[in-house]
Amino acid sequence: MASSRRLRALITNDDGIDSPGLRALATGARDAGFDVVVAAPHVDASGVGGSVLAVRDGRRVRVHRRELPDLPGIPAFAVEGHPAFIVHSAGRGWLDPEPDVVLSGINIGANLGHAVLHSGTIGAALAAGLHGWRGLAVSLGTPLIEPERPHWDAALKLLPDVLDVLLGAPDSTVLSLNVPDLPVAELGELREARLADWGSVRVRVDHVSGEDGDLLHTHEAELAGEPEPDTDTALLAAGHPTLTELQTVTDRPGLLADGALRRRAS
């Protein structure tokens, strides 16, 4: 980690360049002393996971310079590609200097349980880890019907302490911070949390046939029942911000050891 210069933070998200949560996170990183650059999808890219899809014209992907409100002097780009693509581009020659950390969010809606696999917010942070950078995904636990005034300040209140944890961790560390959509005074204690089996929301998909042809109609609904204790879902529902260290894809040795394959086949 560099010491003679300010650390550089790449700010991205999956809600798109015009999200107020992106501006809030960029403001928080700037106020924490980082040299900030913003690069986010030109449109909403929620749910794309670690996709590196981009809108290509041959070998080219369009990038649009933007000036974000209340962030004068901070370079900002709307990229016609998904969040993980943006992070990989930053590590493959686009940004000079490269970022030291990638901060992704602030996402509108929590990213909980093993369903984080599908989150573009998380995908960007995990892509940072692949490049040896530290990554932090920040999500605000808003209800399914988005409030008019989300409590971005609740997430920003926790950001300095969480950044201290991140910067004190080894290279490639990836953290996920979920914050209840509550006034700062009502926040519970920050808790480390394990991932729930799924998350707090599940999507039902119905096959519908009609005059417009066959359609897949999706419905989001909160999961019924009590969440498993001490998971990110349970703690967030109880008013606690949660912090979880995530790992990207790993291998598990022993598949063919000591006749394991023969035993599985039998």
C-alpha atoms as a PDB file:
ATOM      1  CA  MET A   1       0.000   0.000   0.000  1.00  0.00           C
ATOM      2  CA  ALA A   2       1.389   3.365  -1.017  1.00  0.00           C
ATOM      3  CA  SER A   3       2.338   5.790   1.728  1.00  0.00           C
ATOM      4  CA  SER A   4       3.674   8.930   0.017  1.00  0.00           C
ATOM      5  CA  ARG A   5       0.491   9.691  -1.905  1.00  0.00           C
ATOM      6  CA  ARG A   6      -3.191   9.711  -1.207  1.00  0.00           C
ATOM      7  CA  LEU A   7      -4.838   6.355  -1.701  1.00  0.00           C
ATOM      8  CA  ARG A   8      -6.955   6.189  -4.828  1.00  0.00           C
ATOM      9  CA  ALA A   9     -10.530   4.925  -4.636  1.00  0.00           C
ATOM     10  CA  LEU A  10     -12.563   3.830  -7.630  1.00  0.00           C
ATOM     11  CA  ILE A  11     -16.250   4.399  -6.898  1.00  0.00           C
ATOM     12  CA  THR A  12     -18.723   2.282  -8.850  1.00  0.00           C
ATOM     13  CA  ASN A  13     -22.159   0.704  -8.455  1.00  0.00           C
ATOM     14  CA  ASP A  14     -24.832  -1.286 -10.268  1.00  0.00           C
ATOM     15  CA  ASP A  15     -27.674   1.259  -9.932  1.00  0.00           C
ATOM     16  CA  GLY A  16     -26.098   3.471 -12.584  1.00  0.00           C
ATOM     17  CA  ILE A  17     -24.226   6.739 -12.830  1.00  0.00           C
ATOM     18  CA  ASP A  18     -27.248   8.832 -11.829  1.00  0.00           C
ATOM     19  CA  SER A  19     -27.895   7.073  -8.516  1.00  0.00           C
ATOM     20  CA  PRO A  20     -27.794   9.362  -5.459  1.00  0.00           C
ATOM     21  CA  GLY A  21     -26.214   6.487  -3.535  1.00  0.00           C
ATOM     22  CA  LEU A  22     -23.199   6.608  -5.860  1.00  0.00           C
ATOM     23  CA  ARG A  23     -22.763  10.326  -5.209  1.00  0.00           C
ATOM     24  CA  ALA A  24     -23.098   9.764  -1.474  1.00  0.00           C
ATOM     25  CA  LEU A  25     -20.363   7.122  -1.488  1.00  0.00           C
ATOM     26  CA  ALA A  26     -18.069   9.269  -3.610  1.00  0.00           C
ATOM     27  CA  THR A  27     -18.607  12.144  -1.172  1.00  0.00           C
ATOM     28  CA  GLY A  28     -17.829   9.880   1.788  1.00  0.00           C
ATOM     29  CA  ALA A  29     -14.629   8.622   0.147  1.00  0.00           C
ATOM     30  CA  ARG A  30     -13.536  12.160  -0.705  1.00  0.00           C
ATOM     31  CA  ASP A  31     -14.183  13.315   2.847  1.00  0.00           C
ATOM     32  CA  ALA A  32     -12.176  10.337   4.150  1.00  0.00           C
ATOM     33  CA  GLY A  33      -9.150  11.663   2.250  1.00  0.00           C
ATOM     34  CA  PHE A  34      -9.121   9.425  -0.825  1.00  0.00           C
ATOM     35  CA  ASP A  35      -8.209  10.532  -4.322  1.00  0.00           C
ATOM     36  CA  VAL A  36     -11.553   9.669  -5.938  1.00  0.00           C
ATOM     37  CA  VAL A  37     -12.501   8.628  -9.459  1.00  0.00           C
ATOM     38  CA  VAL A  38     -16.056   7.581 -10.326  1.00  0.00           C
ATOM     39  CA  ALA A  39     -16.921   5.082 -13.060  1.00  0.00           C
ATOM     40  CA  ALA A  40     -20.349   3.457 -13.143  1.00  0.00           C
ATOM     41  CA  PRO A  41     -22.716   1.875 -15.679  1.00  0.00           C
ATOM     42  CA  HIS A  42     -24.505   4.353 -17.933  1.00  0.00           C
ATOM     43  CA  VAL A  43     -27.826   2.658 -17.069  1.00  0.00           C
ATOM     44  CA  ASP A  44     -29.120   0.504 -14.210  1.00  0.00           C
ATOM     45  CA  ALA A  45     -27.243  -2.809 -14.136  1.00  0.00           C
ATOM     46  CA  SER A  46     -28.740  -4.354 -11.003  1.00  0.00           C
ATOM     47  CA  GLY A  47     -28.539  -8.120 -10.685  1.00  0.00           C
ATOM     48  CA  VAL A  48     -25.679  -8.684 -13.135  1.00  0.00           C
ATOM     49  CA  GLY A  49     -23.372 -10.323 -10.574  1.00  0.00           C
ATOM     50  CA  GLY A  50     -19.787 -10.566 -11.803  1.00  0.00           C
ATOM     51  CA  SER A  51     -20.699 -10.113 -15.470  1.00  0.00           C
ATOM     52  CA  VAL A  52     -18.117  -8.391 -17.653  1.00  0.00           C
ATOM     53  CA  LEU A  53     -20.617  -7.728 -20.454  1.00  0.00           C
ATOM     54  CA  ALA A  54     -20.230  -4.423 -22.259  1.00  0.00           C
ATOM     55  CA  VAL A  55     -21.823  -2.745 -25.266  1.00  0.00           C
ATOM     56  CA  ARG A  56     -19.105  -3.189 -27.846  1.00  0.00           C
ATOM     57  CA  ASP A  57     -18.493  -1.618 -31.213  1.00  0.00           C
ATOM     58  CA  GLY A  58     -15.778  -3.945 -32.430  1.00  0.00           C
ATOM     59  CA  ARG A  59     -13.170  -3.706 -29.663  1.00  0.00           C
ATOM     60  CA  ARG A  60     -14.489  -0.389 -28.370  1.00  0.00           C
ATOM     61  CA  VAL A  61     -16.795   0.397 -25.438  1.00  0.00           C
ATOM     62  CA  ARG A  62     -18.179   3.911 -25.167  1.00  0.00           C
ATOM     63  CA  VAL A  63     -17.315   6.036 -22.142  1.00  0.00           C
ATOM     64  CA  HIS A  64     -19.096   9.310 -21.412  1.00  0.00           C
ATOM     65  CA  ARG A  65     -17.506  11.983 -19.217  1.00  0.00           C
ATOM     66  CA  ARG A  66     -19.855  13.295 -16.569  1.00  0.00           C
ATOM     67  CA  GLU A  67     -19.841  16.006 -13.913  1.00  0.00           C
ATOM     68  CA  LEU A  68     -21.642  14.850 -10.796  1.00  0.00           C
ATOM     69  CA  PRO A  69     -23.615  17.316  -8.645  1.00  0.00           C
ATOM     70  CA  ASP A  70     -21.755  18.532  -5.547  1.00  0.00           C
ATOM     71  CA  LEU A  71     -18.554  16.748  -6.632  1.00  0.00           C
ATOM     72  CA  PRO A  72     -16.636  19.399  -8.576  1.00  0.00           C
ATOM     73  CA  GLY A  73     -13.231  18.355  -9.813  1.00  0.00           C
ATOM     74  CA  ILE A  74     -13.838  14.629  -9.331  1.00  0.00           C
ATOM     75  CA  PRO A  75     -13.494  12.766 -12.639  1.00  0.00           C
ATOM     76  CA  ALA A  76     -16.608  10.737 -13.426  1.00  0.00           C
ATOM     77  CA  PHE A  77     -17.433   8.404 -16.295  1.00  0.00           C
ATOM     78  CA  ALA A  78     -20.614   6.666 -17.454  1.00  0.00           C
ATOM     79  CA  VAL A  79     -19.468   3.386 -18.997  1.00  0.00           C
ATOM     80  CA  GLU A  80     -21.538   1.248 -21.351  1.00  0.00           C
ATOM     81  CA  GLY A  81     -20.676  -1.889 -19.416  1.00  0.00           C
ATOM     82  CA  HIS A  82     -21.370  -3.804 -16.239  1.00  0.00           C
ATOM     83  CA  PRO A  83     -19.729  -3.010 -12.863  1.00  0.00           C
ATOM     84  CA  ALA A  84     -17.217  -5.888 -12.884  1.00  0.00           C
ATOM     85  CA  PHE A  85     -16.237  -4.927 -16.443  1.00  0.00           C
ATOM     86  CA  ILE A  86     -15.500  -1.413 -15.213  1.00  0.00           C
ATOM     87  CA  VAL A  87     -13.296  -2.729 -12.405  1.00  0.00           C
ATOM     88  CA  HIS A  88     -11.437  -5.098 -14.741  1.00  0.00           C
ATOM     89  CA  SER A  89     -10.908  -2.249 -17.204  1.00  0.00           C
ATOM     90  CA  ALA A  90      -9.364  -0.183 -14.416  1.00  0.00           C
ATOM     91  CA  GLY A  91      -6.857  -2.988 -13.854  1.00  0.00           C
ATOM     92  CA  ARG A  92      -6.077  -3.579 -17.516  1.00  0.00           C
ATOM     93  CA  GLY A  93      -4.659  -0.229 -18.462  1.00  0.00           C
ATOM     94  CA  TRP A  94      -7.577   2.209 -18.406  1.00  0.00           C
ATOM     95  CA  LEU A  95      -6.866   4.060 -15.162  1.00  0.00           C
ATOM     96  CA  ASP A  96      -3.433   5.432 -14.368  1.00  0.00           C
ATOM     97  CA  PRO A  97      -2.712   5.235 -11.536  1.00  0.00           C
ATOM     98  CA  GLU A  98      -4.735   2.145 -10.726  1.00  0.00           C
ATOM     99  CA  PRO A  99      -7.031   2.285  -7.694  1.00  0.00           C
ATOM    100  CA  ASP A 100      -5.895   1.047  -4.310  1.00  0.00           C
ATOM    101  CA  VAL A 101      -9.465   0.259  -3.269  1.00  0.00           C
ATOM    102  CA  VAL A 102     -12.787  -0.209  -5.010  1.00  0.00           C
ATOM    103  CA  LEU A 103     -15.885   1.082  -3.224  1.00  0.00           C
ATOM    104  CA  SER A 104     -19.153  -0.153  -4.701  1.00  0.00           C
ATOM    105  CA  GLY A 105     -22.575   1.311  -3.872  1.00  0.00           C
ATOM    106  CA  ILE A 106     -24.320   2.688  -1.998  1.00  0.00           C
ATOM    107  CA  ASN A 107     -26.787   0.140  -3.313  1.00  0.00           C
ATOM    108  CA  ILE A 108     -30.507   0.792  -3.060  1.00  0.00           C
ATOM    109  CA  GLY A 109     -31.544  -2.349  -1.185  1.00  0.00           C
ATOM    110  CA  ALA A 110     -29.644  -4.782   1.005  1.00  0.00           C
ATOM    111  CA  ASN A 111     -27.348  -7.486  -0.384  1.00  0.00           C
ATOM    112  CA  LEU A 112     -27.779 -10.426   1.953  1.00  0.00           C
ATOM    113  CA  GLY A 113     -27.168 -14.145   2.208  1.00  0.00           C
ATOM    114  CA  HIS A 114     -25.696 -16.328  -0.487  1.00  0.00           C
ATOM    115  CA  ALA A 115     -27.914 -14.466  -2.966  1.00  0.00           C
ATOM    116  CA  VAL A 116     -25.139 -11.833  -3.092  1.00  0.00           C
ATOM    117  CA  LEU A 117     -23.850 -13.980  -5.970  1.00  0.00           C
ATOM    118  CA  HIS A 118     -26.336 -12.134  -8.190  1.00  0.00           C
ATOM    119  CA  SER A 119     -25.482  -8.604  -7.089  1.00  0.00           C
ATOM    120  CA  GLY A 120     -23.599  -6.313  -9.434  1.00  0.00           C
ATOM    121  CA  THR A 121     -22.601  -4.261  -6.390  1.00  0.00           C
ATOM    122  CA  ILE A 122     -20.928  -7.323  -4.884  1.00  0.00           C
ATOM    123  CA  GLY A 123     -19.566  -8.409  -8.269  1.00  0.00           C
ATOM    124  CA  ALA A 124     -17.590  -5.171  -8.562  1.00  0.00           C
ATOM    125  CA  ALA A 125     -16.069  -5.597  -5.101  1.00  0.00           C
ATOM    126  CA  LEU A 126     -15.115  -9.222  -5.814  1.00  0.00           C
ATOM    127  CA  ALA A 127     -13.534  -8.151  -9.100  1.00  0.00           C
ATOM    128  CA  ALA A 128     -11.363  -5.769  -7.086  1.00  0.00           C
ATOM    129  CA  GLY A 129     -10.119  -8.709  -5.029  1.00  0.00           C
ATOM    130  CA  LEU A 130      -9.122 -10.572  -8.214  1.00  0.00           C
ATOM    131  CA  HIS A 131      -6.821  -7.653  -9.029  1.00  0.00           C
ATOM    132  CA  GLY A 132      -5.241  -7.670  -5.592  1.00  0.00           C
ATOM    133  CA  TRP A 133      -7.103  -4.548  -4.451  1.00  0.00           C
ATOM    134  CA  ARG A 134      -9.258  -4.192  -1.392  1.00  0.00           C
ATOM    135  CA  GLY A 135     -12.974  -3.974  -2.139  1.00  0.00           C
ATOM    136  CA  LEU A 136     -15.983  -2.768  -0.180  1.00  0.00           C
ATOM    137  CA  ALA A 137     -19.628  -3.134  -1.190  1.00  0.00           C
ATOM    138  CA  VAL A 138     -22.039  -0.826   0.660  1.00  0.00           C
ATOM    139  CA  SER A 139     -25.797  -1.460   0.621  1.00  0.00           C
ATOM    140  CA  LEU A 140     -28.697   0.321   2.279  1.00  0.00           C
ATOM    141  CA  GLY A 141     -31.518  -1.948   3.453  1.00  0.00           C
ATOM    142  CA  THR A 142     -34.407  -0.064   1.905  1.00  0.00           C
ATOM    143  CA  PRO A 143     -37.845  -1.721   1.601  1.00  0.00           C
ATOM    144  CA  LEU A 144     -39.089  -3.131  -1.699  1.00  0.00           C
ATOM    145  CA  ILE A 145     -40.957   0.122  -2.323  1.00  0.00           C
ATOM    146  CA  GLU A 146     -38.064   2.576  -2.439  1.00  0.00           C
ATOM    147  CA  PRO A 147     -38.473   5.467   0.036  1.00  0.00           C
ATOM    148  CA  GLU A 148     -38.428   9.056  -1.168  1.00  0.00           C
ATOM    149  CA  ARG A 149     -35.524   9.920   1.141  1.00  0.00           C
ATOM    150  CA  PRO A 150     -33.237   6.965   1.853  1.00  0.00           C
ATOM    151  CA  HIS A 151     -30.930   7.436   4.857  1.00  0.00           C
ATOM    152  CA  TRP A 152     -27.652   7.603   2.956  1.00  0.00           C
ATOM    153  CA  ASP A 153     -26.205   9.386   5.985  1.00  0.00           C
ATOM    154  CA  ALA A 154     -26.597   6.184   8.010  1.00  0.00           C
ATOM    155  CA  ALA A 155     -24.174   4.384   5.715  1.00  0.00           C
ATOM    156  CA  LEU A 156     -21.788   7.337   5.614  1.00  0.00           C
ATOM    157  CA  LYS A 157     -21.727   7.450   9.417  1.00  0.00           C
ATOM    158  CA  LEU A 158     -20.211   3.946   9.454  1.00  0.00           C
ATOM    159  CA  LEU A 159     -17.947   4.391   6.454  1.00  0.00           C
ATOM    160  CA  PRO A 160     -14.809   5.780   8.201  1.00  0.00           C
ATOM    161  CA  ASP A 161     -14.635   2.935  10.730  1.00  0.00           C
ATOM    162  CA  VAL A 162     -15.301   0.294   8.079  1.00  0.00           C
ATOM    163  CA  LEU A 163     -12.615   1.799   5.838  1.00  0.00           C
ATOM    164  CA  ASP A 164     -10.183   1.510   8.740  1.00  0.00           C
ATOM    165  CA  VAL A 165     -11.017  -2.192   8.967  1.00  0.00           C
ATOM    166  CA  LEU A 166     -10.599  -2.594   5.211  1.00  0.00           C
ATOM    167  CA  LEU A 167      -7.273  -0.782   5.015  1.00  0.00           C
ATOM    168  CA  GLY A 168      -5.948  -2.792   7.961  1.00  0.00           C
ATOM    169  CA  ALA A 169      -6.786  -6.065   6.222  1.00  0.00           C
ATOM    170  CA  PRO A 170      -4.573  -7.945   3.726  1.00  0.00           C
ATOM    171  CA  ASP A 171      -4.545  -7.146   0.033  1.00  0.00           C
ATOM    172  CA  SER A 172      -7.501  -8.618  -1.908  1.00  0.00           C
ATOM    173  CA  THR A 173      -9.828  -8.417   1.109  1.00  0.00           C
ATOM    174  CA  VAL A 174     -13.474  -7.905   0.111  1.00  0.00           C
ATOM    175  CA  LEU A 175     -16.062  -6.695   2.620  1.00  0.00           C
ATOM    176  CA  SER A 176     -19.823  -6.277   2.382  1.00  0.00           C
ATOM    177  CA  LEU A 177     -21.502  -3.650   4.556  1.00  0.00           C
ATOM    178  CA  ASN A 178     -25.294  -3.621   4.924  1.00  0.00           C
ATOM    179  CA  VAL A 179     -26.891  -0.715   6.766  1.00  0.00           C
ATOM    180  CA  PRO A 180     -30.534  -0.427   7.899  1.00  0.00           C
ATOM    181  CA  ASP A 181     -32.472   2.414   6.309  1.00  0.00           C
ATOM    182  CA  LEU A 182     -32.842   4.197   9.644  1.00  0.00           C
ATOM    183  CA  PRO A 183     -31.925   7.571  11.123  1.00  0.00           C
ATOM    184  CA  VAL A 184     -28.375   7.554  12.461  1.00  0.00           C
ATOM    185  CA  ALA A 185     -29.588   7.825  16.054  1.00  0.00           C
ATOM    186  CA  GLU A 186     -31.583   4.599  15.665  1.00  0.00           C
ATOM    187  CA  LEU A 187     -28.790   2.415  14.296  1.00  0.00           C
ATOM    188  CA  GLY A 188     -27.792  -0.609  16.327  1.00  0.00           C
ATOM    189  CA  GLU A 189     -24.202  -1.694  16.937  1.00  0.00           C
ATOM    190  CA  LEU A 190     -22.149  -2.746  13.913  1.00  0.00           C
ATOM    191  CA  ARG A 191     -22.001  -6.561  13.934  1.00  0.00           C
ATOM    192  CA  GLU A 192     -19.959  -9.068  11.986  1.00  0.00           C
ATOM    193  CA  ALA A 193     -22.397 -11.447  10.317  1.00  0.00           C
ATOM    194  CA  ARG A 194     -22.358 -14.729   8.456  1.00  0.00           C
ATOM    195  CA  LEU A 195     -24.352 -15.086   5.270  1.00  0.00           C
ATOM    196  CA  ALA A 196     -27.902 -16.378   5.488  1.00  0.00           C
ATOM    197  CA  ASP A 197     -28.831 -19.321   3.298  1.00  0.00           C
ATOM    198  CA  TRP A 198     -30.525 -16.999   0.813  1.00  0.00           C
ATOM    199  CA  GLY A 199     -31.374 -13.433   1.723  1.00  0.00           C
ATOM    200  CA  SER A 200     -34.409 -11.371   2.682  1.00  0.00           C
ATOM    201  CA  VAL A 201     -36.152 -11.302  -0.708  1.00  0.00           C
ATOM    202  CA  ARG A 202     -37.011 -14.012  -3.198  1.00  0.00           C
ATOM    203  CA  VAL A 203     -38.265 -13.601  -6.755  1.00  0.00           C
ATOM    204  CA  ARG A 204     -41.150 -15.684  -8.111  1.00  0.00           C
ATOM    205  CA  VAL A 205     -41.321 -16.106 -11.877  1.00  0.00           C
ATOM    206  CA  ASP A 206     -44.574 -16.987 -13.669  1.00  0.00           C
ATOM    207  CA  HIS A 207     -44.922 -18.033 -17.312  1.00  0.00           C
ATOM    208  CA  VAL A 208     -47.678 -15.913 -18.849  1.00  0.00           C
ATOM    209  CA  SER A 209     -49.084 -16.363 -22.360  1.00  0.00           C
ATOM    210  CA  GLY A 210     -51.083 -13.666 -24.109  1.00  0.00           C
ATOM    211  CA  GLU A 211     -51.455 -11.504 -27.183  1.00  0.00           C
ATOM    212  CA  ASP A 212     -47.893 -10.256 -26.765  1.00  0.00           C
ATOM    213  CA  GLY A 213     -46.544 -13.802 -26.784  1.00  0.00           C
ATOM    214  CA  ASP A 214     -44.974 -15.763 -23.957  1.00  0.00           C
ATOM    215  CA  LEU A 215     -43.643 -13.734 -21.043  1.00  0.00           C
ATOM    216  CA  LEU A 216     -41.850 -14.425 -17.787  1.00  0.00           C
ATOM    217  CA  HIS A 217     -43.500 -12.241 -15.136  1.00  0.00           C
ATOM    218  CA  THR A 218     -41.450 -11.631 -11.983  1.00  0.00           C
ATOM    219  CA  HIS A 219     -42.690 -10.764  -8.481  1.00  0.00           C
ATOM    220  CA  GLU A 220     -40.440  -9.808  -5.587  1.00  0.00           C
ATOM    221  CA  ALA A 221     -41.522 -10.732  -2.080  1.00  0.00           C
ATOM    222  CA  GLU A 222     -39.906 -10.737   1.335  1.00  0.00           C
ATOM    223  CA  LEU A 223     -39.250 -14.209   2.709  1.00  0.00           C
ATOM    224  CA  ALA A 224     -41.724 -15.349   5.347  1.00  0.00           C
ATOM    225  CA  GLY A 225     -40.691 -16.705   8.734  1.00  0.00           C
ATOM    226  CA  GLU A 226     -37.977 -15.823  11.208  1.00  0.00           C
ATOM    227  CA  PRO A 227     -34.462 -15.493   9.749  1.00  0.00           C
ATOM    228  CA  GLU A 228     -31.720 -17.706  11.133  1.00  0.00           C
ATOM    229  CA  PRO A 229     -30.096 -16.090  14.211  1.00  0.00           C
ATOM    230  CA  ASP A 230     -26.794 -14.233  13.829  1.00  0.00           C
ATOM    231  CA  THR A 231     -27.026 -14.121  10.044  1.00  0.00           C
ATOM    232  CA  ASP A 232     -26.787 -10.895   8.089  1.00  0.00           C
ATOM    233  CA  THR A 233     -30.522 -11.075   7.354  1.00  0.00           C
ATOM    234  CA  ALA A 234     -31.510 -11.452  11.008  1.00  0.00           C
ATOM    235  CA  LEU A 235     -29.157  -8.794  12.334  1.00  0.00           C
ATOM    236  CA  LEU A 236     -30.129  -6.238   9.711  1.00  0.00           C
ATOM    237  CA  ALA A 237     -33.820  -6.821  10.459  1.00  0.00           C
ATOM    238  CA  ALA A 238     -33.040  -6.136  14.135  1.00  0.00           C
ATOM    239  CA  GLY A 239     -31.550  -2.748  13.253  1.00  0.00           C
ATOM    240  CA  HIS A 240     -27.855  -3.704  13.212  1.00  0.00           C
ATOM    241  CA  PRO A 241     -25.509  -2.726  10.416  1.00  0.00           C
ATOM    242  CA  THR A 242     -23.632  -5.865   9.359  1.00  0.00           C
ATOM    243  CA  LEU A 243     -20.139  -6.453   8.021  1.00  0.00           C
ATOM    244  CA  THR A 244     -19.124  -9.661   6.260  1.00  0.00           C
ATOM    245  CA  GLU A 245     -15.872 -10.677   4.623  1.00  0.00           C
ATOM    246  CA  LEU A 246     -16.513 -12.343   1.275  1.00  0.00           C
ATOM    247  CA  GLN A 247     -14.363 -14.703  -0.726  1.00  0.00           C
ATOM    248  CA  THR A 248     -14.480 -15.206  -4.435  1.00  0.00           C
ATOM    249  CA  VAL A 249     -14.611 -18.609  -6.136  1.00  0.00           C
ATOM    250  CA  THR A 250     -12.260 -21.153  -4.562  1.00  0.00           C
ATOM    251  CA  ASP A 251     -11.422 -24.772  -5.246  1.00  0.00           C
ATOM    252  CA  ARG A 252     -11.879 -27.668  -2.831  1.00  0.00           C
ATOM    253  CA  PRO A 253      -9.214 -30.377  -3.212  1.00  0.00           C
ATOM    254  CA  GLY A 254      -9.760 -34.095  -2.654  1.00  0.00           C
ATOM    255  CA  LEU A 255     -12.221 -34.913  -5.442  1.00  0.00           C
ATOM    256  CA  LEU A 256     -10.155 -37.877  -6.696  1.00  0.00           C
ATOM    257  CA  ALA A 257      -8.202 -38.646  -3.531  1.00  0.00           C
ATOM    258  CA  ASP A 258      -8.186 -42.190  -2.109  1.00  0.00           C
ATOM    259  CA  GLY A 259     -10.764 -43.610  -4.489  1.00  0.00           C
ATOM    260  CA  ALA A 260     -13.311 -40.867  -3.796  1.00  0.00           C
ATOM    261  CA  LEU A 261     -14.580 -40.930  -7.371  1.00  0.00           C
ATOM    262  CA  ARG A 262     -15.219 -44.681  -7.240  1.00  0.00           C
ATOM    263  CA  ARG A 263     -17.103 -44.296  -3.974  1.00  0.00           C
ATOM    264  CA  ARG A 264     -19.247 -41.498  -5.387  1.00  0.00           C
ATOM    265  CA  ALA A 265     -20.053 -43.578  -8.485  1.00  0.00           C
ATOM    266  CA  SER A 266     -21.135 -46.549  -6.375  1.00  0.00           C
END
